Amino acid sequence: MTTSFIPVLILLAAAIGLGAVFLGLNWIIGRHQRTPGKLAPYESGVPLLDTNRKRVNVRFYQIAMLFILFDIEAAFLYPWAITFRGFAGQRFFVLAEMAVFLGILVAGFLYLWWRGALEWE
């Protein structure tokens, strides 16, 4: 049973090893100086007004993670809706499962709303 995992572990070790080698070589060989090209405006064309090492409010990350969570949960609805037609004899059971899933999702959303996690101040 464990012999089937040996190629996966070898591939994982090779990926981690190559990643470490590339990062190490970049750190050793690469230049660590600020050039005018690095300090120039990037995509938006807006010049830098502040350093890039400033503190960001934790609420930003919290709302971003909640958005990703609810976005992924909504993405689960599309394959379910497509395959729902294929469940001829079990439609009520599959519909009840999705109702429970959506109920838990709505309960979590209401809990976050009640706790004020979605308010940006």
PDB file of N, CA and C in Angstrom:
ATOM      1  N   MET A   1       0.823  -1.195   0.000  1.00  0.00           N
ATOM      2  CA  MET A   1       0.000   0.000   0.000  1.00  0.00           C
ATOM      3  C   MET A   1       0.864   1.255   0.000  1.00  0.00           C
ATOM      4  N   THR A   2       1.893   1.292   0.837  1.00  0.00           N
ATOM      5  CA  THR A   2       2.723   2.494   0.905  1.00  0.00           C
ATOM      6  C   THR A   2       3.661   2.599  -0.280  1.00  0.00           C
ATOM      7  N   THR A   3       3.870   1.524  -1.016  1.00  0.00           N
ATOM      8  CA  THR A   3       4.759   1.600  -2.175  1.00  0.00           C
ATOM      9  C   THR A   3       4.174   2.468  -3.282  1.00  0.00           C
ATOM     10  N   SER A   4       2.871   2.638  -3.315  1.00  0.00           N
ATOM     11  CA  SER A   4       2.279   3.495  -4.344  1.00  0.00           C
ATOM     12  C   SER A   4       2.498   4.976  -4.046  1.00  0.00           C
ATOM     13  N   PHE A   5       2.851   5.320  -2.803  1.00  0.00           N
ATOM     14  CA  PHE A   5       3.097   6.712  -2.453  1.00  0.00           C
ATOM     15  C   PHE A   5       4.560   7.111  -2.639  1.00  0.00           C
ATOM     16  N   ILE A   6       5.444   6.146  -2.876  1.00  0.00           N
ATOM     17  CA  ILE A   6       6.866   6.456  -2.998  1.00  0.00           C
ATOM     18  C   ILE A   6       7.147   7.381  -4.183  1.00  0.00           C
ATOM     19  N   PRO A   7       6.581   7.172  -5.381  1.00  0.00           N
ATOM     20  CA  PRO A   7       6.833   8.132  -6.465  1.00  0.00           C
ATOM     21  C   PRO A   7       6.315   9.539  -6.160  1.00  0.00           C
ATOM     22  N   VAL A   8       5.208   9.616  -5.463  1.00  0.00           N
ATOM     23  CA  VAL A   8       4.670  10.931  -5.106  1.00  0.00           C
ATOM     24  C   VAL A   8       5.602  11.626  -4.123  1.00  0.00           C
ATOM     25  N   LEU A   9       6.106  10.892  -3.159  1.00  0.00           N
ATOM     26  CA  LEU A   9       7.037  11.470  -2.190  1.00  0.00           C
ATOM     27  C   LEU A   9       8.349  11.888  -2.853  1.00  0.00           C
ATOM     28  N   ILE A  10       8.816  11.102  -3.819  1.00  0.00           N
ATOM     29  CA  ILE A  10      10.040  11.475  -4.541  1.00  0.00           C
ATOM     30  C   ILE A  10       9.811  12.755  -5.331  1.00  0.00           C
ATOM     31  N   LEU A  11       8.675  12.850  -5.996  1.00  0.00           N
ATOM     32  CA  LEU A  11       8.355  14.057  -6.759  1.00  0.00           C
ATOM     33  C   LEU A  11       8.209  15.264  -5.834  1.00  0.00           C
ATOM     34  N   LEU A  12       7.577  15.080  -4.680  1.00  0.00           N
ATOM     35  CA  LEU A  12       7.433  16.165  -3.715  1.00  0.00           C
ATOM     36  C   LEU A  12       8.791  16.617  -3.194  1.00  0.00           C
ATOM     37  N   ALA A  13       9.669  15.668  -2.885  1.00  0.00           N
ATOM     38  CA  ALA A  13      11.007  16.015  -2.414  1.00  0.00           C
ATOM     39  C   ALA A  13      11.795  16.737  -3.494  1.00  0.00           C
ATOM     40  N   ALA A  14      11.666  16.303  -4.754  1.00  0.00           N
ATOM     41  CA  ALA A  14      12.361  16.975  -5.850  1.00  0.00           C
ATOM     42  C   ALA A  14      11.841  18.398  -6.033  1.00  0.00           C
ATOM     43  N   ALA A  15      10.526  18.596  -5.924  1.00  0.00           N
ATOM     44  CA  ALA A  15       9.955  19.941  -6.082  1.00  0.00           C
ATOM     45  C   ALA A  15      10.422  20.862  -4.967  1.00  0.00           C
ATOM     46  N   ILE A  16      10.422  20.366  -3.743  1.00  0.00           N
ATOM     47  CA  ILE A  16      10.879  21.189  -2.615  1.00  0.00           C
ATOM     48  C   ILE A  16      12.363  21.486  -2.747  1.00  0.00           C
ATOM     49  N   GLY A  17      13.142  20.482  -3.159  1.00  0.00           N
ATOM     50  CA  GLY A  17      14.582  20.682  -3.329  1.00  0.00           C
ATOM     51  C   GLY A  17      14.900  21.692  -4.413  1.00  0.00           C
ATOM     52  N   LEU A  18      14.234  21.567  -5.568  1.00  0.00           N
ATOM     53  CA  LEU A  18      14.473  22.531  -6.642  1.00  0.00           C
ATOM     54  C   LEU A  18      14.039  23.940  -6.257  1.00  0.00           C
ATOM     55  N   GLY A  19      12.923  24.036  -5.564  1.00  0.00           N
ATOM     56  CA  GLY A  19      12.490  25.358  -5.102  1.00  0.00           C
ATOM     57  C   GLY A  19      13.498  25.978  -4.158  1.00  0.00           C
ATOM     58  N   ALA A  20      14.027  25.189  -3.244  1.00  0.00           N
ATOM     59  CA  ALA A  20      15.028  25.701  -2.308  1.00  0.00           C
ATOM     60  C   ALA A  20      16.311  26.095  -3.032  1.00  0.00           C
ATOM     61  N   VAL A  21      16.729  25.288  -4.011  1.00  0.00           N
ATOM     62  CA  VAL A  21      17.941  25.609  -4.775  1.00  0.00           C
ATOM     63  C   VAL A  21      17.748  26.911  -5.551  1.00  0.00           C
ATOM     64  N   PHE A  22      16.617  27.062  -6.220  1.00  0.00           N
ATOM     65  CA  PHE A  22      16.383  28.279  -6.999  1.00  0.00           C
ATOM     66  C   PHE A  22      16.321  29.519  -6.108  1.00  0.00           C
ATOM     67  N   LEU A  23      15.637  29.414  -4.978  1.00  0.00           N
ATOM     68  CA  LEU A  23      15.584  30.560  -4.068  1.00  0.00           C
ATOM     69  C   LEU A  23      16.958  30.890  -3.502  1.00  0.00           C
ATOM     70  N   GLY A  24      17.723  29.869  -3.170  1.00  0.00           N
ATOM     71  CA  GLY A  24      19.076  30.103  -2.661  1.00  0.00           C
ATOM     72  C   GLY A  24      19.977  30.752  -3.695  1.00  0.00           C
ATOM     73  N   LEU A  25      19.913  30.255  -4.935  1.00  0.00           N
ATOM     74  CA  LEU A  25      20.722  30.867  -5.991  1.00  0.00           C
ATOM     75  C   LEU A  25      20.296  32.303  -6.265  1.00  0.00           C
ATOM     76  N   ASN A  26      19.027  32.563  -6.219  1.00  0.00           N
ATOM     77  CA  ASN A  26      18.562  33.931  -6.415  1.00  0.00           C
ATOM     78  C   ASN A  26      19.086  34.846  -5.317  1.00  0.00           C
ATOM     79  N   TRP A  27      19.113  34.361  -4.110  1.00  0.00           N
ATOM     80  CA  TRP A  27      19.590  35.180  -2.998  1.00  0.00           C
ATOM     81  C   TRP A  27      21.090  35.419  -3.100  1.00  0.00           C
ATOM     82  N   ILE A  28      21.833  34.403  -3.543  1.00  0.00           N
ATOM     83  CA  ILE A  28      23.295  34.533  -3.626  1.00  0.00           C
ATOM     84  C   ILE A  28      23.704  35.365  -4.837  1.00  0.00           C
ATOM     85  N   ILE A  29      23.140  35.081  -5.989  1.00  0.00           N
ATOM     86  CA  ILE A  29      23.563  35.724  -7.234  1.00  0.00           C
ATOM     87  C   ILE A  29      22.888  37.076  -7.448  1.00  0.00           C
ATOM     88  N   GLY A  30      21.649  37.210  -7.023  1.00  0.00           N
ATOM     89  CA  GLY A  30      20.879  38.418  -7.311  1.00  0.00           C
ATOM     90  C   GLY A  30      21.420  39.667  -6.637  1.00  0.00           C
ATOM     91  N   ARG A  31      21.093  40.806  -7.241  1.00  0.00           N
ATOM     92  CA  ARG A  31      21.505  42.092  -6.679  1.00  0.00           C
ATOM     93  C   ARG A  31      20.458  42.572  -5.681  1.00  0.00           C
ATOM     94  N   HIS A  32      20.906  43.192  -4.616  1.00  0.00           N
ATOM     95  CA  HIS A  32      20.010  43.665  -3.554  1.00  0.00           C
ATOM     96  C   HIS A  32      20.071  45.186  -3.447  1.00  0.00           C
ATOM     97  N   GLN A  33      19.914  45.861  -4.550  1.00  0.00           N
ATOM     98  CA  GLN A  33      19.964  47.322  -4.515  1.00  0.00           C
ATOM     99  C   GLN A  33      18.749  47.893  -5.220  1.00  0.00           C
ATOM    100  N   ARG A  34      18.378  49.065  -4.810  1.00  0.00           N
ATOM    101  CA  ARG A  34      17.243  49.736  -5.431  1.00  0.00           C
ATOM    102  C   ARG A  34      17.748  50.559  -6.612  1.00  0.00           C
ATOM    103  N   THR A  35      17.194  50.266  -7.761  1.00  0.00           N
ATOM    104  CA  THR A  35      17.554  50.987  -8.972  1.00  0.00           C
ATOM    105  C   THR A  35      16.399  51.911  -9.351  1.00  0.00           C
ATOM    106  N   PRO A  36      16.646  52.864 -10.225  1.00  0.00           N
ATOM    107  CA  PRO A  36      15.532  53.721 -10.659  1.00  0.00           C
ATOM    108  C   PRO A  36      14.409  52.930 -11.320  1.00  0.00           C
ATOM    109  N   GLY A  37      14.740  51.833 -11.963  1.00  0.00           N
ATOM    110  CA  GLY A  37      13.699  51.009 -12.570  1.00  0.00           C
ATOM    111  C   GLY A  37      12.805  50.362 -11.537  1.00  0.00           C
ATOM    112  N   LYS A  38      13.375  49.976 -10.404  1.00  0.00           N
ATOM    113  CA  LYS A  38      12.570  49.374  -9.342  1.00  0.00           C
ATOM    114  C   LYS A  38      11.716  50.410  -8.629  1.00  0.00           C
ATOM    115  N   LEU A  39      12.184  51.647  -8.592  1.00  0.00           N
ATOM    116  CA  LEU A  39      11.442  52.693  -7.900  1.00  0.00           C
ATOM    117  C   LEU A  39      10.431  53.397  -8.807  1.00  0.00           C
ATOM    118  N   ALA A  40      10.420  53.058 -10.085  1.00  0.00           N
ATOM    119  CA  ALA A  40       9.490  53.679 -11.031  1.00  0.00           C
ATOM    120  C   ALA A  40       8.079  53.147 -10.795  1.00  0.00           C
ATOM    121  N   PRO A  41       7.059  53.907 -11.228  1.00  0.00           N
ATOM    122  CA  PRO A  41       5.678  53.421 -11.094  1.00  0.00           C
ATOM    123  C   PRO A  41       5.483  52.114 -11.850  1.00  0.00           C
ATOM    124  N   TYR A  42       4.633  51.275 -11.302  1.00  0.00           N
ATOM    125  CA  TYR A  42       4.447  49.943 -11.892  1.00  0.00           C
ATOM    126  C   TYR A  42       3.271  49.960 -12.859  1.00  0.00           C
ATOM    127  N   GLU A  43       2.251  49.175 -12.660  1.00  0.00           N
ATOM    128  CA  GLU A  43       1.181  49.022 -13.633  1.00  0.00           C
ATOM    129  C   GLU A  43       0.231  50.215 -13.687  1.00  0.00           C
ATOM    130  N   SER A  44      -0.123  50.746 -12.549  1.00  0.00           N
ATOM    131  CA  SER A  44      -1.155  51.772 -12.533  1.00  0.00           C
ATOM    132  C   SER A  44      -0.622  53.145 -12.923  1.00  0.00           C
ATOM    133  N   GLY A  45       0.695  53.324 -12.940  1.00  0.00           N
ATOM    134  CA  GLY A  45       1.262  54.609 -13.293  1.00  0.00           C
ATOM    135  C   GLY A  45       1.288  55.595 -12.148  1.00  0.00           C
ATOM    136  N   VAL A  46       0.836  55.188 -10.981  1.00  0.00           N
ATOM    137  CA  VAL A  46       0.832  56.070  -9.817  1.00  0.00           C
ATOM    138  C   VAL A  46       2.186  55.950  -9.120  1.00  0.00           C
ATOM    139  N   PRO A  47       2.866  57.062  -8.888  1.00  0.00           N
ATOM    140  CA  PRO A  47       4.174  56.968  -8.220  1.00  0.00           C
ATOM    141  C   PRO A  47       4.019  56.537  -6.760  1.00  0.00           C
ATOM    142  N   LEU A  48       5.086  55.966  -6.236  1.00  0.00           N
ATOM    143  CA  LEU A  48       5.069  55.521  -4.849  1.00  0.00           C
ATOM    144  C   LEU A  48       4.992  56.716  -3.910  1.00  0.00           C
ATOM    145  N   LEU A  49       4.080  56.677  -2.979  1.00  0.00           N
ATOM    146  CA  LEU A  49       3.942  57.746  -2.003  1.00  0.00           C
ATOM    147  C   LEU A  49       4.498  57.345  -0.650  1.00  0.00           C
ATOM    148  N   ASP A  50       4.611  56.057  -0.422  1.00  0.00           N
ATOM    149  CA  ASP A  50       5.011  55.557   0.880  1.00  0.00           C
ATOM    150  C   ASP A  50       5.839  54.295   0.677  1.00  0.00           C
ATOM    151  N   THR A  51       6.400  53.799   1.743  1.00  0.00           N
ATOM    152  CA  THR A  51       7.163  52.565   1.637  1.00  0.00           C
ATOM    153  C   THR A  51       6.204  51.395   1.479  1.00  0.00           C
ATOM    154  N   ASN A  52       6.709  50.305   0.972  1.00  0.00           N
ATOM    155  CA  ASN A  52       5.863  49.138   0.787  1.00  0.00           C
ATOM    156  C   ASN A  52       5.818  48.267   2.031  1.00  0.00           C
ATOM    157  N   ARG A  53       6.451  48.655   3.083  1.00  0.00           N
ATOM    158  CA  ARG A  53       6.494  47.861   4.314  1.00  0.00           C
ATOM    159  C   ARG A  53       5.626  48.473   5.410  1.00  0.00           C
ATOM    160  N   LYS A  54       4.515  49.078   5.041  1.00  0.00           N
ATOM    161  CA  LYS A  54       3.657  49.668   6.051  1.00  0.00           C
ATOM    162  C   LYS A  54       2.639  48.651   6.557  1.00  0.00           C
ATOM    163  N   ARG A  55       2.065  48.929   7.684  1.00  0.00           N
ATOM    164  CA  ARG A  55       1.103  48.019   8.294  1.00  0.00           C
ATOM    165  C   ARG A  55      -0.245  48.131   7.592  1.00  0.00           C
ATOM    166  N   VAL A  56      -0.876  46.972   7.418  1.00  0.00           N
ATOM    167  CA  VAL A  56      -2.193  46.905   6.811  1.00  0.00           C
ATOM    168  C   VAL A  56      -3.160  46.412   7.873  1.00  0.00           C
ATOM    169  N   ASN A  57      -4.338  46.973   7.875  1.00  0.00           N
ATOM    170  CA  ASN A  57      -5.342  46.593   8.849  1.00  0.00           C
ATOM    171  C   ASN A  57      -5.699  45.111   8.697  1.00  0.00           C
ATOM    172  N   VAL A  58      -5.847  44.437   9.810  1.00  0.00           N
ATOM    173  CA  VAL A  58      -6.169  43.015   9.803  1.00  0.00           C
ATOM    174  C   VAL A  58      -7.549  42.785   9.192  1.00  0.00           C
ATOM    175  N   ARG A  59      -8.434  43.742   9.289  1.00  0.00           N
ATOM    176  CA  ARG A  59      -9.786  43.606   8.741  1.00  0.00           C
ATOM    177  C   ARG A  59      -9.732  43.385   7.223  1.00  0.00           C
ATOM    178  N   PHE A  60      -8.743  43.964   6.571  1.00  0.00           N
ATOM    179  CA  PHE A  60      -8.598  43.770   5.131  1.00  0.00           C
ATOM    180  C   PHE A  60      -8.394  42.293   4.816  1.00  0.00           C
ATOM    181  N   TYR A  61      -7.490  41.646   5.526  1.00  0.00           N
ATOM    182  CA  TYR A  61      -7.225  40.225   5.296  1.00  0.00           C
ATOM    183  C   TYR A  61      -8.422  39.373   5.703  1.00  0.00           C
ATOM    184  N   GLN A  62      -9.088  39.761   6.761  1.00  0.00           N
ATOM    185  CA  GLN A  62     -10.246  38.992   7.222  1.00  0.00           C
ATOM    186  C   GLN A  62     -11.365  39.028   6.175  1.00  0.00           C
ATOM    187  N   ILE A  63     -11.651  40.189   5.650  1.00  0.00           N
ATOM    188  CA  ILE A  63     -12.702  40.300   4.637  1.00  0.00           C
ATOM    189  C   ILE A  63     -12.279  39.601   3.348  1.00  0.00           C
ATOM    190  N   ALA A  64     -10.998  39.673   3.010  1.00  0.00           N
ATOM    191  CA  ALA A  64     -10.519  38.971   1.812  1.00  0.00           C
ATOM    192  C   ALA A  64     -10.674  37.461   1.967  1.00  0.00           C
ATOM    193  N   MET A  65     -10.349  36.918   3.126  1.00  0.00           N
ATOM    194  CA  MET A  65     -10.492  35.480   3.359  1.00  0.00           C
ATOM    195  C   MET A  65     -11.964  35.071   3.349  1.00  0.00           C
ATOM    196  N   LEU A  66     -12.823  35.901   3.922  1.00  0.00           N
ATOM    197  CA  LEU A  66     -14.247  35.588   3.905  1.00  0.00           C
ATOM    198  C   LEU A  66     -14.794  35.626   2.486  1.00  0.00           C
ATOM    199  N   PHE A  67     -14.320  36.562   1.690  1.00  0.00           N
ATOM    200  CA  PHE A  67     -14.751  36.607   0.294  1.00  0.00           C
ATOM    201  C   PHE A  67     -14.342  35.341  -0.436  1.00  0.00           C
ATOM    202  N   ILE A  68     -13.100  34.907  -0.243  1.00  0.00           N
ATOM    203  CA  ILE A  68     -12.636  33.680  -0.892  1.00  0.00           C
ATOM    204  C   ILE A  68     -13.455  32.491  -0.422  1.00  0.00           C
ATOM    205  N   LEU A  69     -13.744  32.435   0.878  1.00  0.00           N
ATOM    206  CA  LEU A  69     -14.518  31.320   1.422  1.00  0.00           C
ATOM    207  C   LEU A  69     -15.901  31.244   0.781  1.00  0.00           C
ATOM    208  N   PHE A  70     -16.613  32.357   0.762  1.00  0.00           N
ATOM    209  CA  PHE A  70     -17.959  32.347   0.204  1.00  0.00           C
ATOM    210  C   PHE A  70     -17.940  32.209  -1.317  1.00  0.00           C
ATOM    211  N   ASP A  71     -16.896  32.679  -1.959  1.00  0.00           N
ATOM    212  CA  ASP A  71     -16.781  32.526  -3.400  1.00  0.00           C
ATOM    213  C   ASP A  71     -16.580  31.059  -3.766  1.00  0.00           C
ATOM    214  N   ILE A  72     -15.753  30.361  -3.030  1.00  0.00           N
ATOM    215  CA  ILE A  72     -15.541  28.934  -3.286  1.00  0.00           C
ATOM    216  C   ILE A  72     -16.809  28.150  -2.999  1.00  0.00           C
ATOM    217  N   GLU A  73     -17.503  28.511  -1.951  1.00  0.00           N
ATOM    218  CA  GLU A  73     -18.752  27.811  -1.646  1.00  0.00           C
ATOM    219  C   GLU A  73     -19.769  28.022  -2.763  1.00  0.00           C
ATOM    220  N   ALA A  74     -19.819  29.215  -3.318  1.00  0.00           N
ATOM    221  CA  ALA A  74     -20.740  29.466  -4.427  1.00  0.00           C
ATOM    222  C   ALA A  74     -20.309  28.702  -5.676  1.00  0.00           C
ATOM    223  N   ALA A  75     -19.009  28.483  -5.838  1.00  0.00           N
ATOM    224  CA  ALA A  75     -18.527  27.732  -6.987  1.00  0.00           C
ATOM    225  C   ALA A  75     -18.934  26.264  -6.908  1.00  0.00           C
ATOM    226  N   PHE A  76     -19.211  25.760  -5.713  1.00  0.00           N
ATOM    227  CA  PHE A  76     -19.669  24.381  -5.575  1.00  0.00           C
ATOM    228  C   PHE A  76     -21.110  24.216  -6.061  1.00  0.00           C
ATOM    229  N   LEU A  77     -21.840  25.291  -6.145  1.00  0.00           N
ATOM    230  CA  LEU A  77     -23.235  25.196  -6.576  1.00  0.00           C
ATOM    231  C   LEU A  77     -23.361  24.896  -8.067  1.00  0.00           C
ATOM    232  N   TYR A  78     -22.439  25.370  -8.890  1.00  0.00           N
ATOM    233  CA  TYR A  78     -22.547  25.174 -10.332  1.00  0.00           C
ATOM    234  C   TYR A  78     -22.438  23.706 -10.739  1.00  0.00           C
ATOM    235  N   PRO A  79     -21.426  22.966 -10.292  1.00  0.00           N
ATOM    236  CA  PRO A  79     -21.401  21.548 -10.682  1.00  0.00           C
ATOM    237  C   PRO A  79     -22.587  20.770 -10.117  1.00  0.00           C
ATOM    238  N   TRP A  80     -23.026  21.140  -8.931  1.00  0.00           N
ATOM    239  CA  TRP A  80     -24.186  20.455  -8.359  1.00  0.00           C
ATOM    240  C   TRP A  80     -25.422  20.687  -9.219  1.00  0.00           C
ATOM    241  N   ALA A  81     -25.604  21.919  -9.663  1.00  0.00           N
ATOM    242  CA  ALA A  81     -26.779  22.230 -10.482  1.00  0.00           C
ATOM    243  C   ALA A  81     -26.732  21.497 -11.819  1.00  0.00           C
ATOM    244  N   ILE A  82     -25.562  21.313 -12.377  1.00  0.00           N
ATOM    245  CA  ILE A  82     -25.436  20.609 -13.655  1.00  0.00           C
ATOM    246  C   ILE A  82     -25.718  19.123 -13.471  1.00  0.00           C
ATOM    247  N   THR A  83     -25.213  18.528 -12.400  1.00  0.00           N
ATOM    248  CA  THR A  83     -25.380  17.084 -12.209  1.00  0.00           C
ATOM    249  C   THR A  83     -26.693  16.733 -11.526  1.00  0.00           C
ATOM    250  N   PHE A  84     -27.463  17.710 -11.087  1.00  0.00           N
ATOM    251  CA  PHE A  84     -28.724  17.429 -10.394  1.00  0.00           C
ATOM    252  C   PHE A  84     -29.697  16.686 -11.295  1.00  0.00           C
ATOM    253  N   ARG A  85     -29.637  16.971 -12.575  1.00  0.00           N
ATOM    254  CA  ARG A  85     -30.541  16.324 -13.519  1.00  0.00           C
ATOM    255  C   ARG A  85     -30.280  14.813 -13.614  1.00  0.00           C
ATOM    256  N   GLY A  86     -29.039  14.396 -13.332  1.00  0.00           N
ATOM    257  CA  GLY A  86     -28.688  12.985 -13.451  1.00  0.00           C
ATOM    258  C   GLY A  86     -29.159  12.121 -12.294  1.00  0.00           C
ATOM    259  N   PHE A  87     -29.577  12.705 -11.202  1.00  0.00           N
ATOM    260  CA  PHE A  87     -30.040  11.941 -10.041  1.00  0.00           C
ATOM    261  C   PHE A  87     -31.544  11.693 -10.175  1.00  0.00           C
ATOM    262  N   ALA A  88     -31.912  10.673 -10.917  1.00  0.00           N
ATOM    263  CA  ALA A  88     -33.334  10.441 -11.208  1.00  0.00           C
ATOM    264  C   ALA A  88     -34.096   9.974  -9.974  1.00  0.00           C
ATOM    265  N   GLY A  89     -33.585   8.970  -9.271  1.00  0.00           N
ATOM    266  CA  GLY A  89     -34.332   8.421  -8.150  1.00  0.00           C
ATOM    267  C   GLY A  89     -34.000   9.049  -6.817  1.00  0.00           C
ATOM    268  N   GLN A  90     -32.948   9.875  -6.766  1.00  0.00           N
ATOM    269  CA  GLN A  90     -32.486  10.421  -5.494  1.00  0.00           C
ATOM    270  C   GLN A  90     -32.586  11.938  -5.442  1.00  0.00           C
ATOM    271  N   ARG A  91     -33.431  12.519  -6.222  1.00  0.00           N
ATOM    272  CA  ARG A  91     -33.484  13.984  -6.306  1.00  0.00           C
ATOM    273  C   ARG A  91     -33.826  14.639  -4.980  1.00  0.00           C
ATOM    274  N   PHE A  92     -34.742  14.051  -4.223  1.00  0.00           N
ATOM    275  CA  PHE A  92     -35.121  14.655  -2.942  1.00  0.00           C
ATOM    276  C   PHE A  92     -33.947  14.623  -1.967  1.00  0.00           C
ATOM    277  N   PHE A  93     -33.229  13.513  -1.944  1.00  0.00           N
ATOM    278  CA  PHE A  93     -32.078  13.404  -1.046  1.00  0.00           C
ATOM    279  C   PHE A  93     -30.988  14.408  -1.412  1.00  0.00           C
ATOM    280  N   VAL A  94     -30.699  14.522  -2.718  1.00  0.00           N
ATOM    281  CA  VAL A  94     -29.665  15.457  -3.176  1.00  0.00           C
ATOM    282  C   VAL A  94     -30.099  16.897  -2.921  1.00  0.00           C
ATOM    283  N   LEU A  95     -31.368  17.188  -3.109  1.00  0.00           N
ATOM    284  CA  LEU A  95     -31.874  18.533  -2.831  1.00  0.00           C
ATOM    285  C   LEU A  95     -31.808  18.837  -1.336  1.00  0.00           C
ATOM    286  N   ALA A  96     -32.118  17.848  -0.501  1.00  0.00           N
ATOM    287  CA  ALA A  96     -32.030  18.046   0.950  1.00  0.00           C
ATOM    288  C   ALA A  96     -30.583  18.260   1.386  1.00  0.00           C
ATOM    289  N   GLU A  97     -29.644  17.544   0.763  1.00  0.00           N
ATOM    290  CA  GLU A  97     -28.231  17.753   1.079  1.00  0.00           C
ATOM    291  C   GLU A  97     -27.805  19.169   0.744  1.00  0.00           C
ATOM    292  N   MET A  98     -28.230  19.665  -0.414  1.00  0.00           N
ATOM    293  CA  MET A  98     -27.859  21.028  -0.797  1.00  0.00           C
ATOM    294  C   MET A  98     -28.541  22.052   0.092  1.00  0.00           C
ATOM    295  N   ALA A  99     -29.756  21.756   0.549  1.00  0.00           N
ATOM    296  CA  ALA A  99     -30.434  22.668   1.472  1.00  0.00           C
ATOM    297  C   ALA A  99     -29.679  22.735   2.802  1.00  0.00           C
ATOM    298  N   VAL A 100     -29.189  21.608   3.277  1.00  0.00           N
ATOM    299  CA  VAL A 100     -28.386  21.612   4.509  1.00  0.00           C
ATOM    300  C   VAL A 100     -27.095  22.396   4.292  1.00  0.00           C
ATOM    301  N   PHE A 101     -26.432  22.180   3.149  1.00  0.00           N
ATOM    302  CA  PHE A 101     -25.206  22.903   2.819  1.00  0.00           C
ATOM    303  C   PHE A 101     -25.448  24.413   2.792  1.00  0.00           C
ATOM    304  N   LEU A 102     -26.512  24.827   2.107  1.00  0.00           N
ATOM    305  CA  LEU A 102     -26.819  26.255   2.044  1.00  0.00           C
ATOM    306  C   LEU A 102     -27.262  26.797   3.396  1.00  0.00           C
ATOM    307  N   GLY A 103     -27.941  25.978   4.189  1.00  0.00           N
ATOM    308  CA  GLY A 103     -28.331  26.412   5.532  1.00  0.00           C
ATOM    309  C   GLY A 103     -27.121  26.689   6.409  1.00  0.00           C
ATOM    310  N   ILE A 104     -26.119  25.806   6.348  1.00  0.00           N
ATOM    311  CA  ILE A 104     -24.887  26.037   7.112  1.00  0.00           C
ATOM    312  C   ILE A 104     -24.172  27.274   6.603  1.00  0.00           C
ATOM    313  N   LEU A 105     -24.158  27.467   5.290  1.00  0.00           N
ATOM    314  CA  LEU A 105     -23.517  28.631   4.700  1.00  0.00           C
ATOM    315  C   LEU A 105     -24.211  29.922   5.131  1.00  0.00           C
ATOM    316  N   VAL A 106     -25.538  29.933   5.097  1.00  0.00           N
ATOM    317  CA  VAL A 106     -26.296  31.119   5.510  1.00  0.00           C
ATOM    318  C   VAL A 106     -26.138  31.359   7.011  1.00  0.00           C
ATOM    319  N   ALA A 107     -26.114  30.289   7.800  1.00  0.00           N
ATOM    320  CA  ALA A 107     -25.909  30.447   9.246  1.00  0.00           C
ATOM    321  C   ALA A 107     -24.547  31.066   9.537  1.00  0.00           C
ATOM    322  N   GLY A 108     -23.517  30.628   8.809  1.00  0.00           N
ATOM    323  CA  GLY A 108     -22.190  31.228   8.983  1.00  0.00           C
ATOM    324  C   GLY A 108     -22.167  32.686   8.569  1.00  0.00           C
ATOM    325  N   PHE A 109     -22.848  33.010   7.464  1.00  0.00           N
ATOM    326  CA  PHE A 109     -22.914  34.396   7.012  1.00  0.00           C
ATOM    327  C   PHE A 109     -23.644  35.273   8.028  1.00  0.00           C
ATOM    328  N   LEU A 110     -24.761  34.780   8.551  1.00  0.00           N
ATOM    329  CA  LEU A 110     -25.502  35.559   9.547  1.00  0.00           C
ATOM    330  C   LEU A 110     -24.698  35.732  10.840  1.00  0.00           C
ATOM    331  N   TYR A 111     -23.946  34.715  11.225  1.00  0.00           N
ATOM    332  CA  TYR A 111     -23.095  34.831  12.410  1.00  0.00           C
ATOM    333  C   TYR A 111     -22.021  35.895  12.207  1.00  0.00           C
ATOM    334  N   LEU A 112     -21.392  35.901  11.019  1.00  0.00           N
ATOM    335  CA  LEU A 112     -20.384  36.921  10.733  1.00  0.00           C
ATOM    336  C   LEU A 112     -21.006  38.315  10.708  1.00  0.00           C
ATOM    337  N   TRP A 113     -22.194  38.432  10.167  1.00  0.00           N
ATOM    338  CA  TRP A 113     -22.874  39.718  10.111  1.00  0.00           C
ATOM    339  C   TRP A 113     -23.229  40.179  11.521  1.00  0.00           C
ATOM    340  N   TRP A 114     -23.694  39.248  12.353  1.00  0.00           N
ATOM    341  CA  TRP A 114     -24.074  39.587  13.730  1.00  0.00           C
ATOM    342  C   TRP A 114     -22.849  40.017  14.542  1.00  0.00           C
ATOM    343  N   ARG A 115     -21.699  39.371  14.296  1.00  0.00           N
ATOM    344  CA  ARG A 115     -20.478  39.706  15.028  1.00  0.00           C
ATOM    345  C   ARG A 115     -19.811  40.983  14.504  1.00  0.00           C
ATOM    346  N   GLY A 116     -20.272  41.496  13.364  1.00  0.00           N
ATOM    347  CA  GLY A 116     -19.706  42.728  12.808  1.00  0.00           C
ATOM    348  C   GLY A 116     -18.439  42.497  12.016  1.00  0.00           C
ATOM    349  N   ALA A 117     -18.207  41.267  11.554  1.00  0.00           N
ATOM    350  CA  ALA A 117     -16.989  40.977  10.819  1.00  0.00           C
ATOM    351  C   ALA A 117     -17.004  41.555   9.413  1.00  0.00           C
ATOM    352  N   LEU A 118     -18.161  41.910   8.904  1.00  0.00           N
ATOM    353  CA  LEU A 118     -18.263  42.429   7.546  1.00  0.00           C
ATOM    354  C   LEU A 118     -18.285  43.943   7.497  1.00  0.00           C
ATOM    355  N   GLU A 119     -18.203  44.613   8.628  1.00  0.00           N
ATOM    356  CA  GLU A 119     -18.236  46.066   8.654  1.00  0.00           C
ATOM    357  C   GLU A 119     -16.815  46.611   8.536  1.00  0.00           C
ATOM    358  N   TRP A 120     -16.635  47.527   7.622  1.00  0.00           N
ATOM    359  CA  TRP A 120     -15.335  48.148   7.420  1.00  0.00           C
ATOM    360  C   TRP A 120     -15.375  49.549   8.017  1.00  0.00           C
ATOM    361  N   GLU A 121     -14.523  49.765   8.996  1.00  0.00           N
ATOM    362  CA  GLU A 121     -14.508  51.082   9.664  1.00  0.00           C
ATOM    363  C   GLU A 121     -13.154  51.716   9.564  1.00  0.00           C
TER     364      GLU A 121
END
